[in-house]
Amino acid sequence: MNPAVQVYVRLLDEGVRVWRPVGAAEEAPGIYRLLGPKADETELWEFELDSLVRCVPQKFSDGNIALVAVERVG
């Protein structure tokens, strides 16, 4: 398995757009398995741990660019 990288998963039911950084492993180009950890079990994530997700770079309001999970694959 490839070393863990950080991707961002959208939190649901927050009222505003909120992202949670999550450890992930690249399984194929642009495809990552979410590893966690999930520190707060009350959070509702768009994708659950161990999901395979497609990630794309996104520019955040602070100017930083990071990988965000955009869809479940497989």
Protein backbone atom coordinates (compact mmCIF):
# COMPACT_ATOMS: atom_id res chain seq x y z
CA MET A 1 0.00 0.00 0.00
CA ASN A 2 1.22 3.50 -0.83
CA PRO A 3 2.08 5.87 2.03
CA ALA A 4 -0.76 7.90 3.49
CA VAL A 5 -1.50 11.37 2.13
CA GLN A 6 -4.01 13.93 3.35
CA VAL A 7 -7.26 14.49 1.47
CA TYR A 8 -10.33 16.46 2.51
CA VAL A 9 -13.84 15.04 2.92
CA ARG A 10 -16.89 17.32 3.07
CA LEU A 11 -18.92 17.25 6.27
CA LEU A 12 -22.68 17.12 5.78
CA ASP A 13 -25.35 18.88 7.90
CA GLU A 14 -23.06 21.79 8.80
CA GLY A 15 -24.97 24.72 7.27
CA VAL A 16 -21.78 25.95 5.57
CA ARG A 17 -19.15 24.08 3.58
CA VAL A 18 -16.80 22.35 6.05
CA TRP A 19 -13.97 19.97 5.20
CA ARG A 20 -12.26 17.34 7.38
CA PRO A 21 -8.64 16.32 6.66
CA VAL A 22 -8.37 12.53 6.39
CA GLY A 23 -5.46 10.15 5.89
CA ALA A 24 -5.75 8.26 2.60
CA ALA A 25 -3.72 5.91 0.41
CA GLU A 26 -3.53 6.30 -3.36
CA GLU A 27 -4.77 3.07 -4.99
CA ALA A 28 -4.63 4.32 -8.61
CA PRO A 29 -4.02 7.72 -10.20
CA GLY A 30 -6.53 10.09 -8.58
CA ILE A 31 -8.22 7.26 -6.61
CA TYR A 32 -7.74 7.07 -2.84
CA ARG A 33 -8.87 4.81 0.00
CA LEU A 34 -9.94 6.81 3.07
CA LEU A 35 -7.99 5.56 6.09
CA GLY A 36 -8.95 7.95 8.85
CA PRO A 37 -8.95 8.29 11.72
CA LYS A 38 -12.45 9.55 12.43
CA ALA A 39 -11.95 11.30 15.74
CA ASP A 40 -15.53 12.53 16.18
CA GLU A 41 -18.18 9.87 15.59
CA THR A 42 -20.93 12.54 15.56
CA GLU A 43 -19.65 14.03 12.29
CA LEU A 44 -21.53 13.05 9.15
CA TRP A 45 -18.98 12.61 6.34
CA GLU A 46 -19.88 12.64 2.65
CA PHE A 47 -17.81 9.42 2.28
CA GLU A 48 -17.14 6.84 5.01
CA LEU A 49 -13.79 5.39 6.05
CA ASP A 50 -12.43 2.63 3.80
CA SER A 51 -14.30 4.11 0.79
CA LEU A 52 -12.53 4.40 -2.55
CA VAL A 53 -12.96 7.97 -3.76
CA ARG A 54 -11.87 10.10 -6.68
CA CYS A 55 -9.95 13.17 -5.52
CA VAL A 56 -9.19 16.38 -7.38
CA PRO A 57 -7.17 19.45 -6.42
CA GLN A 58 -9.22 22.35 -5.07
CA LYS A 59 -8.17 25.88 -4.18
CA PHE A 60 -9.51 26.94 -0.78
CA SER A 61 -10.39 30.48 0.31
CA ASP A 62 -7.03 30.82 2.09
CA GLY A 63 -5.24 30.18 -1.22
CA ASN A 64 -4.04 26.68 -0.35
CA ILE A 65 -4.61 23.88 -2.84
CA ALA A 66 -5.44 20.41 -1.50
CA LEU A 67 -7.01 17.15 -2.68
CA VAL A 68 -10.74 16.83 -2.01
CA ALA A 69 -12.91 13.73 -2.36
CA VAL A 70 -15.56 14.31 -5.04
CA GLU A 71 -17.12 10.90 -5.75
CA ARG A 72 -17.17 7.29 -4.61
CA VAL A 73 -15.71 4.82 -7.12
CA GLY A 74 -15.84 1.06 -7.39
